[in-house]
PDB file of N, CA and C in Angstrom:
ATOM      1  N   MET A   1     -27.253  -7.336 -13.893  1.00  0.00           N
ATOM      2  CA  MET A   1     -26.222  -7.435 -13.029  1.00  0.00           C
ATOM      3  C   MET A   1     -25.957  -5.953 -12.510  1.00  0.00           C
ATOM      4  N   SER A   2     -25.761  -5.946 -11.176  1.00  0.00           N
ATOM      5  CA  SER A   2     -25.584  -4.681 -10.442  1.00  0.00           C
ATOM      6  C   SER A   2     -24.362  -4.941  -9.791  1.00  0.00           C
ATOM      7  N   LYS A   3     -23.266  -4.121  -9.549  1.00  0.00           N
ATOM      8  CA  LYS A   3     -22.236  -4.354  -8.807  1.00  0.00           C
ATOM      9  C   LYS A   3     -21.458  -3.036  -8.534  1.00  0.00           C
ATOM     10  N   PRO A   4     -21.264  -2.639  -7.177  1.00  0.00           N
ATOM     11  CA  PRO A   4     -20.642  -1.322  -6.878  1.00  0.00           C
ATOM     12  C   PRO A   4     -19.242  -1.591  -6.948  1.00  0.00           C
ATOM     13  N   ILE A   5     -18.730  -0.683  -7.508  1.00  0.00           N
ATOM     14  CA  ILE A   5     -17.171  -0.617  -7.578  1.00  0.00           C
ATOM     15  C   ILE A   5     -16.496   0.628  -7.134  1.00  0.00           C
ATOM     16  N   GLU A   6     -15.387   0.802  -6.753  1.00  0.00           N
ATOM     17  CA  GLU A   6     -14.606   1.958  -6.454  1.00  0.00           C
ATOM     18  C   GLU A   6     -13.625   2.370  -7.516  1.00  0.00           C
ATOM     19  N   ALA A   7     -13.545   3.612  -7.738  1.00  0.00           N
ATOM     20  CA  ALA A   7     -12.828   4.206  -8.810  1.00  0.00           C
ATOM     21  C   ALA A   7     -12.385   5.582  -8.357  1.00  0.00           C
ATOM     22  N   VAL A   8     -11.192   5.961  -9.116  1.00  0.00           N
ATOM     23  CA  VAL A   8     -10.628   7.245  -8.800  1.00  0.00           C
ATOM     24  C   VAL A   8     -10.800   7.984 -10.143  1.00  0.00           C
ATOM     25  N   PHE A   9     -11.185   9.194 -10.031  1.00  0.00           N
ATOM     26  CA  PHE A   9     -11.433  10.097 -11.303  1.00  0.00           C
ATOM     27  C   PHE A   9     -10.153  11.082 -11.298  1.00  0.00           C
ATOM     28  N   ASP A  10      -9.464  10.989 -12.331  1.00  0.00           N
ATOM     29  CA  ASP A  10      -8.001  11.473 -12.594  1.00  0.00           C
ATOM     30  C   ASP A  10      -8.288  12.906 -13.418  1.00  0.00           C
ATOM     31  N   GLY A  11      -9.566  13.483 -13.432  1.00  0.00           N
ATOM     32  CA  GLY A  11      -9.632  14.722 -14.121  1.00  0.00           C
ATOM     33  C   GLY A  11     -10.297  14.524 -15.449  1.00  0.00           C
ATOM     34  N   LYS A  12     -10.019  13.240 -15.981  1.00  0.00           N
ATOM     35  CA  LYS A  12     -10.646  12.897 -17.444  1.00  0.00           C
ATOM     36  C   LYS A  12     -11.397  11.735 -17.394  1.00  0.00           C
ATOM     37  N   VAL A  13     -10.995  10.453 -16.663  1.00  0.00           N
ATOM     38  CA  VAL A  13     -11.407   9.330 -16.778  1.00  0.00           C
ATOM     39  C   VAL A  13     -11.717   8.691 -15.393  1.00  0.00           C
ATOM     40  N   LEU A  14     -12.640   7.871 -15.450  1.00  0.00           N
ATOM     41  CA  LEU A  14     -12.873   7.120 -14.064  1.00  0.00           C
ATOM     42  C   LEU A  14     -12.036   5.869 -14.009  1.00  0.00           C
ATOM     43  N   ARG A  15     -11.213   5.733 -13.183  1.00  0.00           N
ATOM     44  CA  ARG A  15     -10.255   4.481 -13.282  1.00  0.00           C
ATOM     45  C   ARG A  15     -10.629   3.428 -12.148  1.00  0.00           C
ATOM     46  N   PRO A  16     -11.224   2.404 -12.392  1.00  0.00           N
ATOM     47  CA  PRO A  16     -11.527   1.419 -11.391  1.00  0.00           C
ATOM     48  C   PRO A  16     -10.504   0.834 -10.493  1.00  0.00           C
ATOM     49  N   LYS A  17     -10.695   0.832  -9.256  1.00  0.00           N
ATOM     50  CA  LYS A  17      -9.681   0.435  -8.403  1.00  0.00           C
ATOM     51  C   LYS A  17      -9.192  -1.077  -8.750  1.00  0.00           C
ATOM     52  N   ASP A  18     -10.313  -1.998  -8.984  1.00  0.00           N
ATOM     53  CA  ASP A  18     -10.076  -3.341  -9.449  1.00  0.00           C
ATOM     54  C   ASP A  18     -10.480  -3.652 -10.723  1.00  0.00           C
ATOM     55  N   ALA A  19     -10.088  -4.658 -11.497  1.00  0.00           N
ATOM     56  CA  ALA A  19     -10.302  -5.045 -12.919  1.00  0.00           C
ATOM     57  C   ALA A  19     -11.861  -5.284 -12.949  1.00  0.00           C
ATOM     58  N   LEU A  20     -12.437  -4.887 -13.909  1.00  0.00           N
ATOM     59  CA  LEU A  20     -13.960  -5.246 -14.112  1.00  0.00           C
ATOM     60  C   LEU A  20     -14.001  -6.516 -15.147  1.00  0.00           C
ATOM     61  N   THR A  21     -15.057  -7.279 -14.899  1.00  0.00           N
ATOM     62  CA  THR A  21     -15.427  -8.313 -15.576  1.00  0.00           C
ATOM     63  C   THR A  21     -16.332  -7.980 -16.745  1.00  0.00           C
ATOM     64  N   LEU A  22     -15.999  -7.192 -17.527  1.00  0.00           N
ATOM     65  CA  LEU A  22     -17.101  -6.716 -18.626  1.00  0.00           C
ATOM     66  C   LEU A  22     -16.344  -6.931 -20.030  1.00  0.00           C
ATOM     67  N   GLU A  23     -17.270  -7.485 -21.029  1.00  0.00           N
ATOM     68  CA  GLU A  23     -16.839  -7.463 -22.274  1.00  0.00           C
ATOM     69  C   GLU A  23     -16.479  -5.985 -22.839  1.00  0.00           C
ATOM     70  N   PRO A  24     -15.586  -5.712 -23.802  1.00  0.00           N
ATOM     71  CA  PRO A  24     -15.407  -4.265 -24.379  1.00  0.00           C
ATOM     72  C   PRO A  24     -16.732  -3.883 -24.916  1.00  0.00           C
ATOM     73  N   ASN A  25     -16.902  -2.426 -24.799  1.00  0.00           N
ATOM     74  CA  ASN A  25     -17.716  -1.744 -25.298  1.00  0.00           C
ATOM     75  C   ASN A  25     -19.252  -1.806 -24.825  1.00  0.00           C
ATOM     76  N   PRO A  26     -19.514  -2.261 -23.621  1.00  0.00           N
ATOM     77  CA  PRO A  26     -20.873  -2.533 -23.190  1.00  0.00           C
ATOM     78  C   PRO A  26     -21.391  -1.067 -22.880  1.00  0.00           C
ATOM     79  N   ARG A  27     -22.933  -0.816 -22.942  1.00  0.00           N
ATOM     80  CA  ARG A  27     -23.342   0.321 -22.314  1.00  0.00           C
ATOM     81  C   ARG A  27     -23.732   0.000 -20.818  1.00  0.00           C
ATOM     82  N   VAL A  28     -23.221   0.921 -19.931  1.00  0.00           N
ATOM     83  CA  VAL A  28     -23.673   0.827 -18.533  1.00  0.00           C
ATOM     84  C   VAL A  28     -24.049   1.919 -18.016  1.00  0.00           C
ATOM     85  N   ARG A  29     -24.610   1.902 -16.837  1.00  0.00           N
ATOM     86  CA  ARG A  29     -25.161   2.986 -16.035  1.00  0.00           C
ATOM     87  C   ARG A  29     -24.249   3.309 -14.902  1.00  0.00           C
ATOM     88  N   ILE A  30     -23.774   4.455 -14.638  1.00  0.00           N
ATOM     89  CA  ILE A  30     -23.005   5.005 -13.456  1.00  0.00           C
ATOM     90  C   ILE A  30     -23.620   5.814 -12.726  1.00  0.00           C
ATOM     91  N   THR A  31     -23.589   5.452 -11.217  1.00  0.00           N
ATOM     92  CA  THR A  31     -23.932   6.561 -10.507  1.00  0.00           C
ATOM     93  C   THR A  31     -22.859   6.794  -9.481  1.00  0.00           C
ATOM     94  N   ILE A  32     -22.755   8.177  -9.330  1.00  0.00           N
ATOM     95  CA  ILE A  32     -21.545   8.682  -8.691  1.00  0.00           C
ATOM     96  C   ILE A  32     -21.877   8.775  -7.293  1.00  0.00           C
ATOM     97  N   GLU A  33     -21.165   8.274  -6.277  1.00  0.00           N
ATOM     98  CA  GLU A  33     -21.239   8.627  -4.943  1.00  0.00           C
ATOM     99  C   GLU A  33     -19.883   8.766  -4.106  1.00  0.00           C
ATOM    100  N   PRO A  34     -19.664   9.882  -3.912  1.00  0.00           N
ATOM    101  CA  PRO A  34     -18.198  10.094  -3.161  1.00  0.00           C
ATOM    102  C   PRO A  34     -17.934   9.334  -1.950  1.00  0.00           C
ATOM    103  N   VAL A  35     -16.779   8.721  -1.951  1.00  0.00           N
ATOM    104  CA  VAL A  35     -16.337   7.994  -0.848  1.00  0.00           C
ATOM    105  C   VAL A  35     -15.451   8.717   0.048  1.00  0.00           C
ATOM    106  N   GLU A  36     -15.788   8.999   1.340  1.00  0.00           N
ATOM    107  CA  GLU A  36     -15.265   9.721   2.257  1.00  0.00           C
ATOM    108  C   GLU A  36     -13.931   9.155   2.671  1.00  0.00           C
ATOM    109  N   THR A  37     -12.632   9.579   2.461  1.00  0.00           N
ATOM    110  CA  THR A  37     -11.600   9.285   2.905  1.00  0.00           C
ATOM    111  C   THR A  37     -11.106   9.914   4.198  1.00  0.00           C
ATOM    112  N   SER A  38     -10.728   9.005   5.126  1.00  0.00           N
ATOM    113  CA  SER A  38     -10.387   9.235   6.396  1.00  0.00           C
ATOM    114  C   SER A  38      -9.030   9.130   6.911  1.00  0.00           C
ATOM    115  N   THR A  39      -8.397  10.160   7.169  1.00  0.00           N
ATOM    116  CA  THR A  39      -6.968  10.091   7.686  1.00  0.00           C
ATOM    117  C   THR A  39      -6.968  10.067   9.143  1.00  0.00           C
ATOM    118  N   LYS A  40      -8.137  10.061   9.713  1.00  0.00           N
ATOM    119  CA  LYS A  40      -8.223   9.924  11.265  1.00  0.00           C
ATOM    120  C   LYS A  40      -7.678   8.623  11.615  1.00  0.00           C
ATOM    121  N   GLY A  41      -6.723   8.766  12.471  1.00  0.00           N
ATOM    122  CA  GLY A  41      -6.192   7.315  13.059  1.00  0.00           C
ATOM    123  C   GLY A  41      -5.064   6.932  12.181  1.00  0.00           C
ATOM    124  N   ALA A  42      -4.730   7.553  11.172  1.00  0.00           N
ATOM    125  CA  ALA A  42      -3.666   7.227  10.269  1.00  0.00           C
ATOM    126  C   ALA A  42      -2.318   7.255  10.976  1.00  0.00           C
ATOM    127  N   VAL A  43      -1.443   6.402  10.926  1.00  0.00           N
ATOM    128  CA  VAL A  43      -0.274   6.370  11.585  1.00  0.00           C
ATOM    129  C   VAL A  43       0.898   6.075  10.552  1.00  0.00           C
ATOM    130  N   SER A  44       1.947   6.724  10.613  1.00  0.00           N
ATOM    131  CA  SER A  44       3.067   6.594   9.675  1.00  0.00           C
ATOM    132  C   SER A  44       3.750   5.212  10.106  1.00  0.00           C
ATOM    133  N   PHE A  45       4.354   4.822   9.147  1.00  0.00           N
ATOM    134  CA  PHE A  45       5.366   3.817   9.380  1.00  0.00           C
ATOM    135  C   PHE A  45       6.182   3.840  10.305  1.00  0.00           C
ATOM    136  N   LEU A  46       6.923   5.085  10.116  1.00  0.00           N
ATOM    137  CA  LEU A  46       8.128   5.343  11.256  1.00  0.00           C
ATOM    138  C   LEU A  46       7.538   5.367  12.705  1.00  0.00           C
ATOM    139  N   ASP A  47       6.237   6.170  12.803  1.00  0.00           N
ATOM    140  CA  ASP A  47       5.811   5.962  14.312  1.00  0.00           C
ATOM    141  C   ASP A  47       5.429   4.622  14.794  1.00  0.00           C
ATOM    142  N   THR A  48       5.006   3.775  13.760  1.00  0.00           N
ATOM    143  CA  THR A  48       4.704   2.450  14.230  1.00  0.00           C
ATOM    144  C   THR A  48       5.942   1.792  14.593  1.00  0.00           C
ATOM    145  N   ALA A  49       7.029   1.793  13.691  1.00  0.00           N
ATOM    146  CA  ALA A  49       8.361   1.085  14.119  1.00  0.00           C
ATOM    147  C   ALA A  49       8.820   1.720  15.335  1.00  0.00           C
ATOM    148  N   ILE A  50       8.892   2.946  15.454  1.00  0.00           N
ATOM    149  CA  ILE A  50       9.261   3.462  16.789  1.00  0.00           C
ATOM    150  C   ILE A  50       8.460   3.070  18.072  1.00  0.00           C
ATOM    151  N   SER A  51       7.326   3.023  18.024  1.00  0.00           N
ATOM    152  CA  SER A  51       6.457   2.497  19.101  1.00  0.00           C
ATOM    153  C   SER A  51       6.706   0.927  19.577  1.00  0.00           C
ATOM    154  N   LEU A  52       7.245   0.154  18.410  1.00  0.00           N
ATOM    155  CA  LEU A  52       7.535  -1.241  18.868  1.00  0.00           C
ATOM    156  C   LEU A  52       8.686  -1.510  19.617  1.00  0.00           C
ATOM    157  N   LYS A  53       9.452  -0.549  19.894  1.00  0.00           N
ATOM    158  CA  LYS A  53      10.744  -0.313  20.707  1.00  0.00           C
ATOM    159  C   LYS A  53      11.675  -1.509  20.429  1.00  0.00           C
ATOM    160  N   LEU A  54      11.855  -1.865  19.123  1.00  0.00           N
ATOM    161  CA  LEU A  54      12.836  -3.049  18.727  1.00  0.00           C
ATOM    162  C   LEU A  54      14.234  -2.854  19.257  1.00  0.00           C
ATOM    163  N   ASP A  55      14.670  -4.089  19.434  1.00  0.00           N
ATOM    164  CA  ASP A  55      16.087  -3.971  20.039  1.00  0.00           C
ATOM    165  C   ASP A  55      16.924  -4.855  19.089  1.00  0.00           C
ATOM    166  N   GLY A  56      17.880  -4.540  18.523  1.00  0.00           N
ATOM    167  CA  GLY A  56      18.787  -5.215  17.653  1.00  0.00           C
ATOM    168  C   GLY A  56      20.250  -4.979  17.764  1.00  0.00           C
ATOM    169  N   PRO A  57      21.055  -5.635  17.109  1.00  0.00           N
ATOM    170  CA  PRO A  57      22.587  -5.469  17.152  1.00  0.00           C
ATOM    171  C   PRO A  57      22.927  -4.110  16.381  1.00  0.00           C
ATOM    172  N   PRO A  58      23.939  -3.389  16.750  1.00  0.00           N
ATOM    173  CA  PRO A  58      24.273  -2.201  16.346  1.00  0.00           C
ATOM    174  C   PRO A  58      24.486  -2.049  14.914  1.00  0.00           C
ATOM    175  N   ASP A  59      24.929  -3.150  14.365  1.00  0.00           N
ATOM    176  CA  ASP A  59      25.154  -3.257  12.838  1.00  0.00           C
ATOM    177  C   ASP A  59      23.939  -3.757  11.968  1.00  0.00           C
ATOM    178  N   TRP A  60      22.779  -3.816  12.587  1.00  0.00           N
ATOM    179  CA  TRP A  60      21.531  -4.310  12.055  1.00  0.00           C
ATOM    180  C   TRP A  60      21.356  -3.941  10.571  1.00  0.00           C
ATOM    181  N   ALA A  61      21.353  -2.557  10.415  1.00  0.00           N
ATOM    182  CA  ALA A  61      20.856  -1.783   9.189  1.00  0.00           C
ATOM    183  C   ALA A  61      22.116  -2.250   8.120  1.00  0.00           C
ATOM    184  N   GLU A  62      23.425  -2.239   8.525  1.00  0.00           N
ATOM    185  CA  GLU A  62      24.524  -2.442   7.561  1.00  0.00           C
ATOM    186  C   GLU A  62      24.425  -4.019   7.156  1.00  0.00           C
ATOM    187  N   ASN A  63      23.937  -4.938   7.923  1.00  0.00           N
ATOM    188  CA  ASN A  63      24.227  -6.485   7.789  1.00  0.00           C
ATOM    189  C   ASN A  63      22.614  -7.049   7.725  1.00  0.00           C
ATOM    190  N   ILE A  64      21.778  -6.256   7.326  1.00  0.00           N
ATOM    191  CA  ILE A  64      20.300  -7.090   7.302  1.00  0.00           C
ATOM    192  C   ILE A  64      20.312  -7.986   6.479  1.00  0.00           C
ATOM    193  N   ASP A  65      20.916  -8.323   5.400  1.00  0.00           N
ATOM    194  CA  ASP A  65      20.848  -9.419   4.610  1.00  0.00           C
ATOM    195  C   ASP A  65      21.461 -10.774   5.293  1.00  0.00           C
ATOM    196  N   ALA A  66      22.687 -10.460   6.032  1.00  0.00           N
ATOM    197  CA  ALA A  66      23.212 -11.566   6.711  1.00  0.00           C
ATOM    198  C   ALA A  66      22.240 -11.998   7.883  1.00  0.00           C
ATOM    199  N   TYR A  67      21.745 -11.027   8.629  1.00  0.00           N
ATOM    200  CA  TYR A  67      20.891 -11.360   9.758  1.00  0.00           C
ATOM    201  C   TYR A  67      19.526 -12.177   9.258  1.00  0.00           C
ATOM    202  N   LEU A  68      18.934 -11.636   8.039  1.00  0.00           N
ATOM    203  CA  LEU A  68      17.692 -12.212   7.622  1.00  0.00           C
ATOM    204  C   LEU A  68      18.072 -13.797   6.742  1.00  0.00           C
ATOM    205  N   TYR A  69      19.104 -13.788   6.085  1.00  0.00           N
ATOM    206  CA  TYR A  69      19.407 -14.995   5.106  1.00  0.00           C
ATOM    207  C   TYR A  69      20.689 -15.738   5.576  1.00  0.00           C
ATOM    208  N   GLY A  70      21.453 -15.269   6.483  1.00  0.00           N
ATOM    209  CA  GLY A  70      22.743 -15.978   6.889  1.00  0.00           C
ATOM    210  C   GLY A  70      23.882 -15.433   5.995  1.00  0.00           C
ATOM    211  N   GLY A  71      25.071 -15.805   6.379  1.00  0.00           N
ATOM    212  CA  GLY A  71      26.119 -15.248   5.613  1.00  0.00           C
ATOM    213  C   GLY A  71      26.950 -14.463   6.470  1.00  0.00           C
ATOM    214  N   GLU A  72      28.007 -13.818   5.679  1.00  0.00           N
ATOM    215  CA  GLU A  72      29.088 -13.095   6.522  1.00  0.00           C
ATOM    216  C   GLU A  72      28.503 -11.649   6.754  1.00  0.00           C
ATOM    217  N   HIS A  73      28.951 -11.109   7.815  1.00  0.00           N
ATOM    218  CA  HIS A  73      28.726  -9.813   8.178  1.00  0.00           C
ATOM    219  C   HIS A  73      29.672  -9.022   7.431  1.00  0.00           C
ATOM    220  N   GLN A  74      29.344  -7.699   7.125  1.00  0.00           N
ATOM    221  CA  GLN A  74      30.355  -6.723   6.609  1.00  0.00           C
ATOM    222  C   GLN A  74      30.681  -6.034   7.884  1.00  0.00           C
ATOM    223  N   HIS A  75      32.008  -5.749   8.119  1.00  0.00           N
ATOM    224  CA  HIS A  75      32.626  -5.001   9.237  1.00  0.00           C
ATOM    225  C   HIS A  75      32.999  -3.623   8.715  1.00  0.00           C
ATOM    226  N   GLU A  76      32.889  -2.618   9.499  1.00  0.00           N
ATOM    227  CA  GLU A  76      33.294  -1.339   9.193  1.00  0.00           C
ATOM    228  C   GLU A  76      34.842  -1.174   9.063  1.00  0.00           C
ATOM    229  N   SER A  77      35.220  -0.334   8.182  1.00  0.00           N
ATOM    230  CA  SER A  77      36.482  -0.208   7.933  1.00  0.00           C
ATOM    231  C   SER A  77      37.117   0.666   9.008  1.00  0.00           C
TER     232      SER A  77
END
C-alpha cells in the first residue's frame, strides 16, 4: 500500500496532519517532499468582515445572544 500524507516536522518528529491507519511498529519507507505554503491571496478575517459591509443594530455586539437565540436585551446603564 502506498499513500501520500502531509505532516509537519516539529524539529524532532514528523507529525501527520491526519490519523494514520497503521498497526503499531510497522516498518515504512518515507520520502520527504516539501509542500510549498502560499500566503498569496490570504485575507484576514477582519478584512473579510469589513468587506461585507454588514449593517446591524448599534447594540449588536453587546446583545449577540439575544439576537441569535432570542431573549431579553441588556440595556446600557
